[in-house]
Amino acid sequence: MSSRAEQKEATRQRLIVQAVRLVGERGFGQTRTVDVAKAARVSHGTVFTHFPSREDLVLAVAGHIGRKTTDRLHELAGAGRGLDDVLQAHLQCLQENEDAYRQLVLEAPLLPAEFRATWVGLQSAVSSYVCAAAEAEAAEGRTRALPAHLVFNTWIGLVHHYLVNKDLFVTEGSVIAAHGPSLTEYFMTLLRT
């Protein structure tokens, strides 16, 4: 890659990183392209050199959050891990980008239709790890055998409830740091035989 191409890619990544930070603070709806440009220390026009529309930037940000989460989950929750380990790894992934992920959960229905594929891909990756671990533990008799979709939907519903209603559970800081261990313990209690 030429130095010009490297510089262009570095600028694009800087725009995405700053947009992710701003989305975490303000939400997708309140994050303006001019604010992203200012945070990345580039001209407003530079944003549109990399992302022809605000919608393209939103999709890039959502994709970035999804890729970071799934890549990190692949790293932390490799094959053969127990369900408790997979759940803890999932929470760790979310905590690393908690504010921006929370905005994804809150604003998913309002995001461009193209976002749906990113969202489904992210949830599918998490589901595959959770369900594989749950099925393995059920086969060994350590947990009850339950339909995989219900295991995953119960877990993700519990986690998303805490994220969406963060203000009910913590006055400041990470709701996952504060309540993640109890969520994992509670969920495992539901599944144990």
Protein backbone atom coordinates (compact mmCIF):
# COMPACT_ATOMS: atom_id res chain seq x y z
CA MET A 1 0.00 0.00 0.00
CA SER A 2 1.36 3.42 -0.91
CA SER A 3 1.90 6.04 1.76
CA ARG A 4 -1.00 8.07 0.30
CA ALA A 5 -3.31 5.05 0.52
CA GLU A 6 -2.07 4.33 4.06
CA GLN A 7 -2.73 7.94 5.06
CA LYS A 8 -6.21 7.80 3.53
CA GLU A 9 -7.01 4.56 5.40
CA ALA A 10 -5.62 6.03 8.65
CA THR A 11 -7.89 9.06 8.25
CA ARG A 12 -10.88 6.82 7.55
CA GLN A 13 -10.15 4.76 10.67
CA ARG A 14 -9.70 7.92 12.75
CA LEU A 15 -13.11 9.15 11.57
CA ILE A 16 -14.70 5.83 12.52
CA VAL A 17 -13.02 5.72 15.94
CA GLN A 18 -14.14 9.27 16.74
CA ALA A 19 -17.64 8.57 15.44
CA VAL A 20 -17.85 5.48 17.67
CA ARG A 21 -16.80 7.58 20.66
CA LEU A 22 -19.35 10.29 19.87
CA VAL A 23 -22.11 7.75 19.23
CA GLY A 24 -21.36 6.26 22.65
CA GLU A 25 -21.75 9.68 24.23
CA ARG A 26 -24.68 11.05 22.20
CA GLY A 27 -26.30 8.27 20.21
CA PHE A 28 -26.50 7.88 16.45
CA GLY A 29 -29.28 10.43 16.04
CA GLN A 30 -27.38 13.19 17.82
CA THR A 31 -23.95 12.57 16.28
CA ARG A 32 -23.42 15.04 13.45
CA THR A 33 -20.83 14.67 10.71
CA VAL A 34 -19.42 18.10 11.52
CA ASP A 35 -18.75 16.94 15.10
CA VAL A 36 -17.04 13.78 13.85
CA ALA A 37 -14.82 15.90 11.59
CA LYS A 38 -13.94 18.21 14.46
CA ALA A 39 -13.14 15.31 16.80
CA ALA A 40 -10.95 13.68 14.12
CA ARG A 41 -9.30 17.05 13.38
CA VAL A 42 -10.16 17.04 9.71
CA SER A 43 -12.32 19.26 7.53
CA HIS A 44 -16.01 18.53 7.30
CA GLY A 45 -15.57 17.75 3.60
CA THR A 46 -13.05 15.04 4.46
CA VAL A 47 -15.83 13.05 6.14
CA PHE A 48 -17.68 12.95 2.81
CA THR A 49 -14.54 11.97 0.92
CA HIS A 50 -14.55 8.74 2.93
CA PHE A 51 -18.30 8.37 3.46
CA PRO A 52 -20.48 9.79 0.66
CA SER A 53 -23.41 10.24 3.06
CA ARG A 54 -24.10 10.35 6.79
CA GLU A 55 -25.87 7.02 6.36
CA ASP A 56 -22.64 5.50 5.01
CA LEU A 57 -20.79 6.74 8.09
CA VAL A 58 -23.50 5.31 10.38
CA LEU A 59 -23.23 1.93 8.63
CA ALA A 60 -19.43 2.02 8.92
CA VAL A 61 -19.68 2.77 12.64
CA ALA A 62 -22.22 -0.01 13.21
CA GLY A 63 -20.07 -2.40 11.19
CA HIS A 64 -16.98 -1.42 13.15
CA ILE A 65 -18.71 -2.07 16.48
CA GLY A 66 -20.04 -5.40 15.22
CA ARG A 67 -16.65 -6.53 13.88
CA LYS A 68 -14.81 -5.48 17.04
CA THR A 69 -17.29 -7.36 19.18
CA THR A 70 -17.28 -10.55 17.11
CA ASP A 71 -13.51 -10.53 16.57
CA ARG A 72 -12.96 -10.14 20.30
CA LEU A 73 -15.50 -12.85 21.07
CA HIS A 74 -13.72 -15.24 18.69
CA GLU A 75 -10.49 -14.42 20.53
CA LEU A 76 -11.91 -14.89 24.04
CA ALA A 77 -14.45 -17.66 23.60
CA GLY A 78 -12.66 -20.26 21.53
CA ALA A 79 -14.09 -23.69 20.89
CA GLY A 80 -14.45 -26.00 23.84
CA ARG A 81 -15.02 -23.28 26.42
CA GLY A 82 -17.70 -23.78 29.04
CA LEU A 83 -20.92 -21.78 28.94
CA ASP A 84 -19.94 -19.68 31.95
CA ASP A 85 -16.67 -18.75 30.17
CA VAL A 86 -18.51 -17.86 26.95
CA LEU A 87 -21.00 -15.65 28.81
CA GLN A 88 -18.19 -13.87 30.64
CA ALA A 89 -16.30 -13.41 27.36
CA HIS A 90 -19.41 -11.95 25.74
CA LEU A 91 -19.83 -9.47 28.57
CA GLN A 92 -16.16 -8.52 28.38
CA CYS A 93 -16.53 -7.83 24.64
CA LEU A 94 -19.56 -5.65 25.26
CA GLN A 95 -17.93 -3.80 28.13
CA GLU A 96 -14.98 -2.82 25.91
CA ASN A 97 -17.39 -0.80 23.74
CA GLU A 98 -20.34 -0.60 26.10
CA ASP A 99 -21.60 2.90 25.42
CA ALA A 100 -21.57 2.55 21.64
CA TYR A 101 -23.06 -0.97 21.77
CA ARG A 102 -25.80 0.33 24.06
CA GLN A 103 -26.67 2.93 21.43
CA LEU A 104 -26.85 0.17 18.80
CA VAL A 105 -29.37 -1.67 20.97
CA LEU A 106 -31.38 1.49 21.64
CA GLU A 107 -31.39 2.81 18.09
CA ALA A 108 -31.30 -0.36 15.97
CA PRO A 109 -34.87 0.10 14.69
CA LEU A 110 -34.02 3.65 13.57
CA LEU A 111 -30.82 2.80 11.71
CA PRO A 112 -30.68 2.31 7.92
CA ALA A 113 -32.17 -0.93 6.62
CA GLU A 114 -28.70 -2.09 5.52
CA PHE A 115 -27.72 -2.17 9.20
CA ARG A 116 -29.96 -5.20 9.71
CA ALA A 117 -27.40 -7.56 8.12
CA THR A 118 -24.68 -6.28 10.47
CA TRP A 119 -26.97 -6.67 13.48
CA VAL A 120 -28.05 -10.19 12.51
CA GLY A 121 -24.42 -11.18 11.87
CA LEU A 122 -23.35 -9.89 15.28
CA GLN A 123 -26.16 -11.67 17.10
CA SER A 124 -25.55 -14.87 15.09
CA ALA A 125 -21.89 -14.93 16.10
CA VAL A 126 -22.77 -14.55 19.77
CA SER A 127 -25.57 -17.08 19.45
CA SER A 128 -23.30 -19.70 17.90
CA TYR A 129 -20.89 -19.56 20.85
CA VAL A 130 -23.60 -19.46 23.52
CA CYS A 131 -25.64 -22.26 21.94
CA ALA A 132 -22.65 -24.53 21.27
CA ALA A 133 -21.46 -24.19 24.86
CA ALA A 134 -24.99 -24.70 26.25
CA GLU A 135 -25.54 -27.80 24.11
CA ALA A 136 -22.19 -29.27 25.16
CA GLU A 137 -22.96 -28.74 28.84
CA ALA A 138 -26.45 -30.20 28.42
CA ALA A 139 -24.97 -33.27 26.69
CA GLU A 140 -22.69 -33.74 29.71
CA GLY A 141 -25.66 -33.40 32.07
CA ARG A 142 -24.43 -30.19 33.70
CA THR A 143 -27.32 -28.08 32.44
CA ARG A 144 -30.85 -28.71 31.25
CA ALA A 145 -31.34 -29.35 27.55
CA LEU A 146 -33.38 -26.41 26.31
CA PRO A 147 -34.09 -25.14 22.80
CA ALA A 148 -31.02 -23.24 21.62
CA HIS A 149 -32.98 -20.22 20.43
CA LEU A 150 -34.57 -19.81 23.86
CA VAL A 151 -31.21 -20.10 25.63
CA PHE A 152 -29.71 -17.37 23.45
CA ASN A 153 -32.77 -15.11 23.43
CA THR A 154 -33.05 -15.31 27.22
CA TRP A 155 -29.38 -14.39 27.62
CA ILE A 156 -29.38 -11.54 25.12
CA GLY A 157 -32.70 -10.24 26.46
CA LEU A 158 -31.29 -10.14 29.99
CA VAL A 159 -28.11 -8.36 28.88
CA HIS A 160 -29.94 -5.88 26.65
CA HIS A 161 -32.44 -5.10 29.42
CA TYR A 162 -29.60 -4.03 31.69
CA LEU A 163 -27.92 -2.02 28.93
CA VAL A 164 -31.09 -0.22 27.82
CA ASN A 165 -32.12 0.55 31.41
CA LYS A 166 -28.61 1.33 32.61
CA ASP A 167 -29.80 4.35 34.59
CA LEU A 168 -31.92 2.05 36.79
CA PHE A 169 -28.95 -0.11 37.74
CA VAL A 170 -25.95 2.22 38.03
CA THR A 171 -25.55 5.92 38.67
CA GLU A 172 -22.28 6.07 36.74
CA GLY A 173 -19.81 3.78 35.05
CA SER A 174 -20.36 0.43 33.41
CA VAL A 175 -23.55 -1.51 34.06
CA ILE A 176 -21.77 -4.62 32.81
CA ALA A 177 -18.89 -4.16 35.24
CA ALA A 178 -21.36 -3.61 38.07
CA HIS A 179 -23.83 -6.39 37.25
CA GLY A 180 -22.17 -8.73 34.74
CA PRO A 181 -21.10 -11.34 37.31
CA SER A 182 -24.59 -11.53 38.82
CA LEU A 183 -26.19 -11.77 35.35
CA THR A 184 -23.91 -14.67 34.46
CA GLU A 185 -24.52 -16.41 37.79
CA TYR A 186 -28.29 -15.95 37.54
CA PHE A 187 -28.40 -17.23 33.96
CA MET A 188 -26.34 -20.28 34.85
CA THR A 189 -28.69 -20.96 37.78
CA LEU A 190 -31.62 -21.03 35.35
CA LEU A 191 -29.91 -23.68 33.23
CA ARG A 192 -28.37 -25.92 35.89
CA THR A 193 -30.02 -29.26 36.55
